[in-house]
Amino acid sequence: FVVVVETASSGNEAIGILQKNTFDLVISDLSMENGTGLDVFLHIESRPDLQIRFIMYSADLSDIRAKGWSEKFIAIQKPEFRELVDAVRWTGVLSDEPDASH
């Protein structure tokens, strides 16, 4: 498999990248300037043609959890890097064969 990494410094920049490229997985912080990680997720969710797994990795996920958003994507509290690595493995994007359950 090939791993390609793109970075964005804002939610709007991430959405722009998603409009031009195809990805299997997006890992986003919640708090960003010019658009949030939730904006990025909502963009992905609004496009059924995008089959992207989404992980929110942020210092404060209390609002996301309180509003039930964490039911729609993986939400990991910083600085739990080991949990982030485990979540990436769980999505199946690093395996040679895609996991049909995701």
Protein backbone atom coordinates (compact mmCIF):
# COMPACT_ATOMS: atom_id res chain seq x y z
CA PHE A 1 0.00 0.00 0.00
CA VAL A 2 0.98 3.62 -0.44
CA VAL A 3 0.51 6.29 2.22
CA VAL A 4 0.08 9.86 1.03
CA VAL A 5 -0.20 12.61 3.64
CA GLU A 6 -1.65 16.06 3.02
CA THR A 7 -1.79 18.76 5.68
CA ALA A 8 -4.07 21.77 6.05
CA SER A 9 -3.80 24.67 8.46
CA SER A 10 -7.52 25.49 8.41
CA GLY A 11 -10.84 23.77 7.98
CA ASN A 12 -11.51 25.60 4.74
CA GLU A 13 -8.13 24.57 3.36
CA ALA A 14 -8.88 20.94 4.27
CA ILE A 15 -12.24 21.13 2.49
CA GLY A 16 -10.49 22.57 -0.58
CA ILE A 17 -8.02 19.68 -0.56
CA LEU A 18 -10.91 17.20 -0.24
CA GLN A 19 -12.59 18.76 -3.28
CA LYS A 20 -9.49 18.09 -5.40
CA ASN A 21 -8.19 14.75 -4.07
CA THR A 22 -9.42 11.36 -2.90
CA PHE A 23 -8.56 10.02 0.55
CA ASP A 24 -9.38 6.94 2.62
CA LEU A 25 -8.91 8.64 6.00
CA VAL A 26 -9.03 12.17 7.40
CA ILE A 27 -7.64 13.00 10.83
CA SER A 28 -8.66 16.46 11.96
CA ASP A 29 -8.37 18.70 14.97
CA LEU A 30 -11.63 20.24 16.09
CA SER A 31 -10.26 23.74 16.67
CA MET A 32 -8.83 25.35 13.56
CA GLU A 33 -9.02 28.82 12.10
CA ASN A 34 -11.28 29.45 9.11
CA GLY A 35 -13.44 26.38 9.56
CA THR A 36 -13.42 23.67 12.20
CA GLY A 37 -12.86 19.94 12.11
CA LEU A 38 -16.63 19.60 12.40
CA ASP A 39 -16.98 21.65 9.19
CA VAL A 40 -14.60 19.22 7.50
CA PHE A 41 -16.64 16.25 8.74
CA LEU A 42 -19.92 17.85 7.61
CA HIS A 43 -18.42 18.40 4.15
CA ILE A 44 -17.46 14.72 3.95
CA GLU A 45 -20.87 13.64 5.23
CA SER A 46 -22.66 15.84 2.67
CA ARG A 47 -20.88 14.01 -0.17
CA PRO A 48 -22.08 10.38 -0.30
CA ASP A 49 -19.60 9.77 -3.13
CA LEU A 50 -16.77 10.24 -0.62
CA GLN A 51 -16.06 7.02 1.25
CA ILE A 52 -13.76 8.57 3.85
CA ARG A 53 -13.21 7.39 7.41
CA PHE A 54 -12.93 10.31 9.83
CA ILE A 55 -11.05 10.68 13.13
CA MET A 56 -11.39 13.80 15.28
CA TYR A 57 -8.24 14.25 17.38
CA SER A 58 -8.59 17.21 19.71
CA ALA A 59 -7.78 18.53 23.17
CA ASP A 60 -11.42 19.20 24.04
CA LEU A 61 -14.11 16.89 22.74
CA SER A 62 -16.72 17.61 25.42
CA ASP A 63 -18.97 19.61 23.08
CA ILE A 64 -18.67 16.98 20.34
CA ARG A 65 -19.63 14.23 22.77
CA ALA A 66 -22.44 16.25 24.40
CA LYS A 67 -24.07 16.88 21.02
CA GLY A 68 -23.76 13.23 19.97
CA TRP A 69 -21.32 13.82 17.12
CA SER A 70 -18.93 11.18 18.44
CA GLU A 71 -21.52 8.58 17.34
CA LYS A 72 -20.71 9.50 13.72
CA PHE A 73 -16.91 9.36 13.80
CA ILE A 74 -14.01 8.29 15.97
CA ALA A 75 -13.21 10.98 18.55
CA ILE A 76 -9.91 10.82 20.44
CA GLN A 77 -8.78 13.20 23.16
CA LYS A 78 -5.26 14.64 22.82
CA PRO A 79 -2.59 13.71 23.79
CA GLU A 80 -3.62 10.02 23.58
CA PHE A 81 -1.35 9.23 20.64
CA ARG A 82 -1.49 5.46 21.22
CA GLU A 83 -5.29 5.60 20.89
CA LEU A 84 -4.91 7.54 17.66
CA VAL A 85 -2.57 4.91 16.22
CA ASP A 86 -4.97 2.15 17.30
CA ALA A 87 -7.90 4.00 15.70
CA VAL A 88 -6.03 4.34 12.40
CA ARG A 89 -5.32 0.61 12.47
CA TRP A 90 -8.98 -0.09 13.30
CA THR A 91 -10.19 1.78 10.20
CA GLY A 92 -8.42 -0.76 8.03
CA VAL A 93 -6.86 1.84 5.73
CA LEU A 94 -3.35 0.50 6.36
CA SER A 95 -4.15 -3.09 5.40
CA ASP A 96 -3.61 -4.56 1.96
CA GLU A 97 -7.28 -5.46 1.72
CA PRO A 98 -10.01 -2.95 2.62
CA ASP A 99 -12.16 -3.80 5.60
CA ALA A 100 -15.70 -4.17 4.25
CA SER A 101 -17.23 -3.42 7.67
CA HIS A 102 -16.27 0.30 7.55
